[in-house]
PDB file of N, CA and C in Angstrom:
ATOM      1  N   MET A   1       5.232   6.336  16.342  1.00  0.00           N
ATOM      2  CA  MET A   1       4.718   5.144  16.970  1.00  0.00           C
ATOM      3  C   MET A   1       4.159   5.599  18.309  1.00  0.00           C
ATOM      4  N   PRO A   2       2.921   5.948  18.430  1.00  0.00           N
ATOM      5  CA  PRO A   2       2.283   6.517  19.650  1.00  0.00           C
ATOM      6  C   PRO A   2       2.499   5.552  20.856  1.00  0.00           C
ATOM      7  N   PHE A   3       2.283   4.166  20.673  1.00  0.00           N
ATOM      8  CA  PHE A   3       2.331   3.296  21.778  1.00  0.00           C
ATOM      9  C   PHE A   3       3.765   3.338  22.439  1.00  0.00           C
ATOM     10  N   ARG A   4       4.800   3.311  21.525  1.00  0.00           N
ATOM     11  CA  ARG A   4       6.117   3.244  22.087  1.00  0.00           C
ATOM     12  C   ARG A   4       6.583   4.608  22.739  1.00  0.00           C
ATOM     13  N   CYS A   5       5.808   5.617  22.432  1.00  0.00           N
ATOM     14  CA  CYS A   5       6.057   6.983  23.020  1.00  0.00           C
ATOM     15  C   CYS A   5       5.274   7.155  24.327  1.00  0.00           C
ATOM     16  N   GLY A   6       4.539   6.033  24.750  1.00  0.00           N
ATOM     17  CA  GLY A   6       3.781   6.160  25.953  1.00  0.00           C
ATOM     18  C   GLY A   6       2.439   6.865  25.814  1.00  0.00           C
ATOM     19  N   LEU A   7       2.007   6.969  24.515  1.00  0.00           N
ATOM     20  CA  LEU A   7       0.651   7.683  24.253  1.00  0.00           C
ATOM     21  C   LEU A   7      -0.463   6.609  24.264  1.00  0.00           C
ATOM     22  N   SER A   8      -1.651   7.041  24.212  1.00  0.00           N
ATOM     23  CA  SER A   8      -2.803   6.224  24.247  1.00  0.00           C
ATOM     24  C   SER A   8      -3.047   5.526  22.896  1.00  0.00           C
ATOM     25  N   PHE A   9      -3.800   4.377  22.964  1.00  0.00           N
ATOM     26  CA  PHE A   9      -4.196   3.647  21.741  1.00  0.00           C
ATOM     27  C   PHE A   9      -5.438   4.260  21.180  1.00  0.00           C
ATOM     28  N   ASP A  10      -5.878   5.413  21.657  1.00  0.00           N
ATOM     29  CA  ASP A  10      -6.934   6.160  21.071  1.00  0.00           C
ATOM     30  C   ASP A  10      -6.477   6.772  19.776  1.00  0.00           C
ATOM     31  N   ILE A  11      -5.146   6.880  19.574  1.00  0.00           N
ATOM     32  CA  ILE A  11      -4.587   7.464  18.398  1.00  0.00           C
ATOM     33  C   ILE A  11      -4.513   6.335  17.346  1.00  0.00           C
ATOM     34  N   ARG A  12      -5.136   6.510  16.202  1.00  0.00           N
ATOM     35  CA  ARG A  12      -5.079   5.507  15.049  1.00  0.00           C
ATOM     36  C   ARG A  12      -4.204   6.123  13.943  1.00  0.00           C
ATOM     37  N   THR A  13      -3.366   5.194  13.462  1.00  0.00           N
ATOM     38  CA  THR A  13      -2.504   5.611  12.409  1.00  0.00           C
ATOM     39  C   THR A  13      -2.762   5.028  11.033  1.00  0.00           C
ATOM     40  N   CYS A  14      -2.784   5.807   9.980  1.00  0.00           N
ATOM     41  CA  CYS A  14      -2.947   5.263   8.636  1.00  0.00           C
ATOM     42  C   CYS A  14      -1.828   5.858   7.821  1.00  0.00           C
ATOM     43  N   SER A  15      -1.323   5.202   6.830  1.00  0.00           N
ATOM     44  CA  SER A  15      -0.275   5.679   5.999  1.00  0.00           C
ATOM     45  C   SER A  15      -0.636   5.599   4.585  1.00  0.00           C
ATOM     46  N   ALA A  16       0.086   6.317   3.726  1.00  0.00           N
ATOM     47  CA  ALA A  16      -0.256   6.360   2.292  1.00  0.00           C
ATOM     48  C   ALA A  16       0.772   5.612   1.453  1.00  0.00           C
ATOM     49  N   ASN A  17       1.547   4.745   2.053  1.00  0.00           N
ATOM     50  CA  ASN A  17       2.477   3.953   1.296  1.00  0.00           C
ATOM     51  C   ASN A  17       2.719   2.706   2.096  1.00  0.00           C
ATOM     52  N   VAL A  18       2.992   1.657   1.418  1.00  0.00           N
ATOM     53  CA  VAL A  18       3.325   0.362   2.119  1.00  0.00           C
ATOM     54  C   VAL A  18       4.712  -0.008   1.965  1.00  0.00           C
ATOM     55  N   PHE A  19       5.320  -0.445   3.071  1.00  0.00           N
ATOM     56  CA  PHE A  19       6.771  -0.939   3.129  1.00  0.00           C
ATOM     57  C   PHE A  19       6.812  -1.952   4.248  1.00  0.00           C
ATOM     58  N   THR A  20       7.761  -2.811   4.322  1.00  0.00           N
ATOM     59  CA  THR A  20       7.878  -3.866   5.278  1.00  0.00           C
ATOM     60  C   THR A  20       7.686  -3.366   6.646  1.00  0.00           C
ATOM     61  N   ALA A  21       8.333  -2.179   7.061  1.00  0.00           N
ATOM     62  CA  ALA A  21       8.233  -1.732   8.431  1.00  0.00           C
ATOM     63  C   ALA A  21       6.774  -1.349   8.721  1.00  0.00           C
ATOM     64  N   ALA A  22       6.051  -0.843   7.800  1.00  0.00           N
ATOM     65  CA  ALA A  22       4.609  -0.479   8.031  1.00  0.00           C
ATOM     66  C   ALA A  22       3.798  -1.713   8.226  1.00  0.00           C
ATOM     67  N   ILE A  23       4.101  -2.740   7.479  1.00  0.00           N
ATOM     68  CA  ILE A  23       3.403  -4.025   7.667  1.00  0.00           C
ATOM     69  C   ILE A  23       3.691  -4.600   9.112  1.00  0.00           C
ATOM     70  N   GLU A  24       4.943  -4.495   9.466  1.00  0.00           N
ATOM     71  CA  GLU A  24       5.305  -4.998  10.789  1.00  0.00           C
ATOM     72  C   GLU A  24       4.612  -4.205  11.869  1.00  0.00           C
ATOM     73  N   LEU A  25       4.536  -2.933  11.758  1.00  0.00           N
ATOM     74  CA  LEU A  25       3.897  -2.089  12.750  1.00  0.00           C
ATOM     75  C   LEU A  25       2.327  -2.373  12.808  1.00  0.00           C
ATOM     76  N   THR A  26       1.800  -2.605  11.568  1.00  0.00           N
ATOM     77  CA  THR A  26       0.323  -2.805  11.529  1.00  0.00           C
ATOM     78  C   THR A  26       0.001  -4.164  12.093  1.00  0.00           C
ATOM     79  N   ARG A  27       0.906  -5.128  12.008  1.00  0.00           N
ATOM     80  CA  ARG A  27       0.680  -6.491  12.569  1.00  0.00           C
ATOM     81  C   ARG A  27       0.820  -6.571  14.055  1.00  0.00           C
ATOM     82  N   GLU A  28       1.467  -5.584  14.624  1.00  0.00           N
ATOM     83  CA  GLU A  28       1.678  -5.563  16.072  1.00  0.00           C
ATOM     84  C   GLU A  28       0.293  -5.685  16.768  1.00  0.00           C
ATOM     85  N   ASP A  29       0.271  -6.392  17.852  1.00  0.00           N
ATOM     86  CA  ASP A  29      -0.995  -6.591  18.566  1.00  0.00           C
ATOM     87  C   ASP A  29      -0.799  -6.239  20.006  1.00  0.00           C
ATOM     88  N   PRO A  30      -1.286  -5.145  20.576  1.00  0.00           N
ATOM     89  CA  PRO A  30      -2.173  -4.221  19.830  1.00  0.00           C
ATOM     90  C   PRO A  30      -1.300  -3.224  18.987  1.00  0.00           C
ATOM     91  N   SER A  31      -1.906  -2.512  18.042  1.00  0.00           N
ATOM     92  CA  SER A  31      -1.243  -1.676  17.131  1.00  0.00           C
ATOM     93  C   SER A  31      -2.089  -0.434  16.966  1.00  0.00           C
ATOM     94  N   THR A  32      -1.427   0.691  16.937  1.00  0.00           N
ATOM     95  CA  THR A  32      -2.188   1.981  16.554  1.00  0.00           C
ATOM     96  C   THR A  32      -2.354   2.079  15.078  1.00  0.00           C
ATOM     97  N   TRP A  33      -1.447   1.379  14.365  1.00  0.00           N
ATOM     98  CA  TRP A  33      -1.526   1.394  12.877  1.00  0.00           C
ATOM     99  C   TRP A  33      -2.741   0.531  12.397  1.00  0.00           C
ATOM    100  N   VAL A  34      -3.719   1.069  11.725  1.00  0.00           N
ATOM    101  CA  VAL A  34      -4.828   0.292  11.319  1.00  0.00           C
ATOM    102  C   VAL A  34      -4.930   0.022   9.842  1.00  0.00           C
ATOM    103  N   ALA A  35      -4.244   0.846   9.054  1.00  0.00           N
ATOM    104  CA  ALA A  35      -4.376   0.620   7.599  1.00  0.00           C
ATOM    105  C   ALA A  35      -3.239   1.468   6.825  1.00  0.00           C
ATOM    106  N   THR A  36      -2.978   0.965   5.628  1.00  0.00           N
ATOM    107  CA  THR A  36      -2.153   1.695   4.732  1.00  0.00           C
ATOM    108  C   THR A  36      -2.585   1.531   3.306  1.00  0.00           C
ATOM    109  N   ALA A  37      -2.439   2.490   2.526  1.00  0.00           N
ATOM    110  CA  ALA A  37      -2.875   2.460   1.120  1.00  0.00           C
ATOM    111  C   ALA A  37      -1.613   1.997   0.297  1.00  0.00           C
ATOM    112  N   ALA A  38      -1.802   1.204  -0.681  1.00  0.00           N
ATOM    113  CA  ALA A  38      -0.725   0.696  -1.441  1.00  0.00           C
ATOM    114  C   ALA A  38      -1.058   0.575  -2.918  1.00  0.00           C
ATOM    115  N   THR A  39      -0.095   0.731  -3.749  1.00  0.00           N
ATOM    116  CA  THR A  39      -0.230   0.362  -5.198  1.00  0.00           C
ATOM    117  C   THR A  39       0.836  -0.738  -5.502  1.00  0.00           C
ATOM    118  N   ASP A  40       0.604  -1.485  -6.494  1.00  0.00           N
ATOM    119  CA  ASP A  40       1.498  -2.515  -6.905  1.00  0.00           C
ATOM    120  C   ASP A  40       2.713  -1.843  -7.617  1.00  0.00           C
ATOM    121  N   PRO A  41       3.950  -1.920  -7.084  1.00  0.00           N
ATOM    122  CA  PRO A  41       5.072  -1.276  -7.650  1.00  0.00           C
ATOM    123  C   PRO A  41       5.404  -1.661  -9.061  1.00  0.00           C
ATOM    124  N   GLN A  42       5.135  -2.911  -9.414  1.00  0.00           N
ATOM    125  CA  GLN A  42       5.375  -3.364 -10.803  1.00  0.00           C
ATOM    126  C   GLN A  42       4.358  -2.673 -11.678  1.00  0.00           C
ATOM    127  N   LEU A  43       3.143  -2.483 -11.274  1.00  0.00           N
ATOM    128  CA  LEU A  43       2.137  -1.851 -12.048  1.00  0.00           C
ATOM    129  C   LEU A  43       2.403  -0.368 -12.199  1.00  0.00           C
ATOM    130  N   VAL A  44       2.899   0.251 -11.088  1.00  0.00           N
ATOM    131  CA  VAL A  44       3.242   1.669 -11.285  1.00  0.00           C
ATOM    132  C   VAL A  44       4.337   1.949 -12.364  1.00  0.00           C
ATOM    133  N   GLY A  45       5.286   1.049 -12.554  1.00  0.00           N
ATOM    134  CA  GLY A  45       6.212   1.095 -13.628  1.00  0.00           C
ATOM    135  C   GLY A  45       5.619   0.698 -14.983  1.00  0.00           C
ATOM    136  N   ALA A  46       4.829  -0.295 -15.007  1.00  0.00           N
ATOM    137  CA  ALA A  46       4.358  -0.891 -16.264  1.00  0.00           C
ATOM    138  C   ALA A  46       3.264  -0.016 -16.916  1.00  0.00           C
ATOM    139  N   VAL A  47       2.422   0.649 -16.184  1.00  0.00           N
ATOM    140  CA  VAL A  47       1.286   1.418 -16.727  1.00  0.00           C
ATOM    141  C   VAL A  47       1.737   2.614 -17.534  1.00  0.00           C
ATOM    142  N   PRO A  48       2.785   3.391 -17.106  1.00  0.00           N
ATOM    143  CA  PRO A  48       3.180   4.523 -17.895  1.00  0.00           C
ATOM    144  C   PRO A  48       3.932   4.052 -19.165  1.00  0.00           C
ATOM    145  N   VAL A  49       4.597   2.933 -19.048  1.00  0.00           N
ATOM    146  CA  VAL A  49       5.349   2.413 -20.251  1.00  0.00           C
ATOM    147  C   VAL A  49       4.285   1.881 -21.313  1.00  0.00           C
ATOM    148  N   ARG A  50       3.265   1.335 -20.787  1.00  0.00           N
ATOM    149  CA  ARG A  50       2.184   0.855 -21.739  1.00  0.00           C
ATOM    150  C   ARG A  50       1.510   2.045 -22.351  1.00  0.00           C
ATOM    151  N   ALA A  51       1.241   3.116 -21.572  1.00  0.00           N
ATOM    152  CA  ALA A  51       0.653   4.306 -22.061  1.00  0.00           C
ATOM    153  C   ALA A  51       1.541   4.962 -23.218  1.00  0.00           C
ATOM    154  N   LEU A  52       2.800   5.012 -22.960  1.00  0.00           N
ATOM    155  CA  LEU A  52       3.821   5.521 -23.891  1.00  0.00           C
ATOM    156  C   LEU A  52       3.788   4.702 -25.232  1.00  0.00           C
ATOM    157  N   ALA A  53       3.758   3.406 -25.070  1.00  0.00           N
ATOM    158  CA  ALA A  53       3.689   2.492 -26.237  1.00  0.00           C
ATOM    159  C   ALA A  53       2.429   2.692 -27.047  1.00  0.00           C
ATOM    160  N   MET A  54       1.313   2.974 -26.374  1.00  0.00           N
ATOM    161  CA  MET A  54       0.022   3.291 -27.012  1.00  0.00           C
ATOM    162  C   MET A  54       0.162   4.582 -27.821  1.00  0.00           C
ATOM    163  N   LEU A  55       0.814   5.645 -27.164  1.00  0.00           N
ATOM    164  CA  LEU A  55       0.938   6.937 -27.843  1.00  0.00           C
ATOM    165  C   LEU A  55       1.889   6.793 -29.120  1.00  0.00           C
ATOM    166  N   LEU A  56       2.938   5.974 -29.006  1.00  0.00           N
ATOM    167  CA  LEU A  56       3.834   5.785 -30.109  1.00  0.00           C
ATOM    168  C   LEU A  56       3.194   5.040 -31.220  1.00  0.00           C
ATOM    169  N   ALA A  57       2.136   4.161 -30.918  1.00  0.00           N
ATOM    170  CA  ALA A  57       1.438   3.410 -31.878  1.00  0.00           C
ATOM    171  C   ALA A  57       0.257   4.174 -32.476  1.00  0.00           C
ATOM    172  N   GLY A  58       0.121   5.398 -32.019  1.00  0.00           N
ATOM    173  CA  GLY A  58      -0.949   6.222 -32.516  1.00  0.00           C
ATOM    174  C   GLY A  58      -2.255   5.979 -31.790  1.00  0.00           C
ATOM    175  N   GLU A  59      -2.283   5.323 -30.693  1.00  0.00           N
ATOM    176  CA  GLU A  59      -3.470   5.018 -29.927  1.00  0.00           C
ATOM    177  C   GLU A  59      -3.600   6.077 -28.779  1.00  0.00           C
ATOM    178  N   ASP A  60      -4.816   6.181 -28.285  1.00  0.00           N
ATOM    179  CA  ASP A  60      -5.052   7.137 -27.160  1.00  0.00           C
ATOM    180  C   ASP A  60      -5.186   6.365 -25.837  1.00  0.00           C
ATOM    181  N   PRO A  61      -4.138   6.560 -24.945  1.00  0.00           N
ATOM    182  CA  PRO A  61      -4.278   5.931 -23.639  1.00  0.00           C
ATOM    183  C   PRO A  61      -5.223   6.565 -22.660  1.00  0.00           C
ATOM    184  N   ASP A  62      -5.831   7.690 -23.050  1.00  0.00           N
ATOM    185  CA  ASP A  62      -6.709   8.458 -22.219  1.00  0.00           C
ATOM    186  C   ASP A  62      -5.812   9.505 -21.532  1.00  0.00           C
ATOM    187  N   HIS A  63      -6.507  10.557 -21.048  1.00  0.00           N
ATOM    188  CA  HIS A  63      -5.856  11.690 -20.480  1.00  0.00           C
ATOM    189  C   HIS A  63      -5.282  11.310 -19.122  1.00  0.00           C
ATOM    190  N   ASN A  64      -5.987  10.532 -18.382  1.00  0.00           N
ATOM    191  CA  ASN A  64      -5.518  10.048 -17.044  1.00  0.00           C
ATOM    192  C   ASN A  64      -5.179   8.585 -17.075  1.00  0.00           C
ATOM    193  N   VAL A  65      -4.056   8.300 -16.605  1.00  0.00           N
ATOM    194  CA  VAL A  65      -3.600   6.910 -16.512  1.00  0.00           C
ATOM    195  C   VAL A  65      -3.548   6.573 -15.008  1.00  0.00           C
ATOM    196  N   VAL A  66      -4.392   5.695 -14.534  1.00  0.00           N
ATOM    197  CA  VAL A  66      -4.579   5.523 -13.105  1.00  0.00           C
ATOM    198  C   VAL A  66      -4.096   4.117 -12.719  1.00  0.00           C
ATOM    199  N   VAL A  67      -3.378   4.054 -11.630  1.00  0.00           N
ATOM    200  CA  VAL A  67      -3.005   2.782 -10.954  1.00  0.00           C
ATOM    201  C   VAL A  67      -3.819   2.720  -9.686  1.00  0.00           C
ATOM    202  N   PRO A  68      -4.857   1.929  -9.606  1.00  0.00           N
ATOM    203  CA  PRO A  68      -5.729   1.925  -8.518  1.00  0.00           C
ATOM    204  C   PRO A  68      -5.025   1.429  -7.201  1.00  0.00           C
ATOM    205  N   PRO A  69      -5.220   2.131  -6.110  1.00  0.00           N
ATOM    206  CA  PRO A  69      -4.631   1.708  -4.868  1.00  0.00           C
ATOM    207  C   PRO A  69      -5.448   0.640  -4.182  1.00  0.00           C
ATOM    208  N   THR A  70      -4.832   0.007  -3.261  1.00  0.00           N
ATOM    209  CA  THR A  70      -5.486  -1.050  -2.389  1.00  0.00           C
ATOM    210  C   THR A  70      -5.324  -0.633  -0.955  1.00  0.00           C
ATOM    211  N   LEU A  71      -6.395  -0.793  -0.225  1.00  0.00           N
ATOM    212  CA  LEU A  71      -6.308  -0.568   1.240  1.00  0.00           C
ATOM    213  C   LEU A  71      -5.914  -1.825   1.939  1.00  0.00           C
ATOM    214  N   VAL A  72      -4.775  -1.797   2.654  1.00  0.00           N
ATOM    215  CA  VAL A  72      -4.230  -2.852   3.394  1.00  0.00           C
ATOM    216  C   VAL A  72      -4.521  -2.593   4.926  1.00  0.00           C
ATOM    217  N   THR A  73      -5.303  -3.470   5.422  1.00  0.00           N
ATOM    218  CA  THR A  73      -5.717  -3.312   6.835  1.00  0.00           C
ATOM    219  C   THR A  73      -5.068  -4.343   7.754  1.00  0.00           C
ATOM    220  N   HIS A  74      -5.115  -4.067   9.044  1.00  0.00           N
ATOM    221  CA  HIS A  74      -4.609  -4.895  10.095  1.00  0.00           C
ATOM    222  C   HIS A  74      -5.204  -6.299   9.955  1.00  0.00           C
ATOM    223  N   ASP A  75      -6.562  -6.400   9.803  1.00  0.00           N
ATOM    224  CA  ASP A  75      -7.173  -7.662   9.669  1.00  0.00           C
ATOM    225  C   ASP A  75      -6.828  -8.433   8.399  1.00  0.00           C
ATOM    226  N   MET A  76      -6.647  -7.675   7.268  1.00  0.00           N
ATOM    227  CA  MET A  76      -6.203  -8.384   6.032  1.00  0.00           C
ATOM    228  C   MET A  76      -4.832  -8.963   6.171  1.00  0.00           C
ATOM    229  N   LEU A  77      -3.951  -8.239   6.852  1.00  0.00           N
ATOM    230  CA  LEU A  77      -2.578  -8.801   7.012  1.00  0.00           C
ATOM    231  C   LEU A  77      -2.571 -10.126   7.847  1.00  0.00           C
ATOM    232  N   PHE A  78      -3.453 -10.154   8.863  1.00  0.00           N
ATOM    233  CA  PHE A  78      -3.529 -11.378   9.694  1.00  0.00           C
ATOM    234  C   PHE A  78      -4.238 -12.452   8.943  1.00  0.00           C
ATOM    235  N   THR A  79      -5.316 -12.158   8.267  1.00  0.00           N
ATOM    236  CA  THR A  79      -6.082 -13.183   7.520  1.00  0.00           C
ATOM    237  C   THR A  79      -5.212 -13.844   6.483  1.00  0.00           C
ATOM    238  N   SER A  80      -4.430 -13.027   5.748  1.00  0.00           N
ATOM    239  CA  SER A  80      -3.584 -13.560   4.677  1.00  0.00           C
ATOM    240  C   SER A  80      -2.180 -13.963   5.163  1.00  0.00           C
ATOM    241  N   ASP A  81      -1.892 -13.712   6.475  1.00  0.00           N
ATOM    242  CA  ASP A  81      -0.625 -14.023   7.049  1.00  0.00           C
ATOM    243  C   ASP A  81       0.521 -13.361   6.350  1.00  0.00           C
ATOM    244  N   VAL A  82       0.323 -12.087   6.014  1.00  0.00           N
ATOM    245  CA  VAL A  82       1.276 -11.317   5.308  1.00  0.00           C
ATOM    246  C   VAL A  82       2.214 -10.658   6.317  1.00  0.00           C
ATOM    247  N   LYS A  83       3.590 -10.865   6.214  1.00  0.00           N
ATOM    248  CA  LYS A  83       4.517 -10.240   7.094  1.00  0.00           C
ATOM    249  C   LYS A  83       5.529  -9.276   6.480  1.00  0.00           C
ATOM    250  N   ASN A  84       5.530  -9.276   5.157  1.00  0.00           N
ATOM    251  CA  ASN A  84       6.522  -8.293   4.470  1.00  0.00           C
ATOM    252  C   ASN A  84       5.978  -8.046   3.035  1.00  0.00           C
ATOM    253  N   MET A  85       6.749  -7.221   2.372  1.00  0.00           N
ATOM    254  CA  MET A  85       6.339  -6.796   0.976  1.00  0.00           C
ATOM    255  C   MET A  85       6.260  -7.907   0.021  1.00  0.00           C
ATOM    256  N   GLU A  86       7.178  -8.882   0.100  1.00  0.00           N
ATOM    257  CA  GLU A  86       7.151 -10.000  -0.869  1.00  0.00           C
ATOM    258  C   GLU A  86       5.852 -10.855  -0.691  1.00  0.00           C
ATOM    259  N   GLU A  87       5.421 -11.049   0.490  1.00  0.00           N
ATOM    260  CA  GLU A  87       4.169 -11.812   0.749  1.00  0.00           C
ATOM    261  C   GLU A  87       2.930 -10.997   0.432  1.00  0.00           C
ATOM    262  N   LEU A  88       2.980  -9.722   0.277  1.00  0.00           N
ATOM    263  CA  LEU A  88       1.799  -8.893   0.063  1.00  0.00           C
ATOM    264  C   LEU A  88       1.328  -9.050  -1.411  1.00  0.00           C
ATOM    265  N   SER A  89       2.220  -9.304  -2.342  1.00  0.00           N
ATOM    266  CA  SER A  89       1.816  -9.432  -3.751  1.00  0.00           C
ATOM    267  C   SER A  89       1.344 -10.817  -3.955  1.00  0.00           C
TER     268      SER A  89
END
C-alpha cells in the first residue's frame, strides 16, 4: 500500500485477483489501486465440471476451457456502489 508507506500516488497498483480487501483498497479516495482482474468463482468451479460431463458423454469440450476474466476498476466499483465480494456478483 504505497500511500500508507508515505510513497507517491504516482505509483499505480493493479492486481490479478479480487477479494474484499482489494475492493476496499480500490475504493479508497485517493487510491493507488486502479484495477483488479477477476473471474466468477462459481464459474471457475462449474466450467471444469461441465467439461468433464461433456467428456463422459462422449462430447468434445475443446482443448482449452476458458473462464473469461473481468476488469474491475476504481470507477466501476463506485458507479455500481460495490463494497465487497458479495456485491460484486
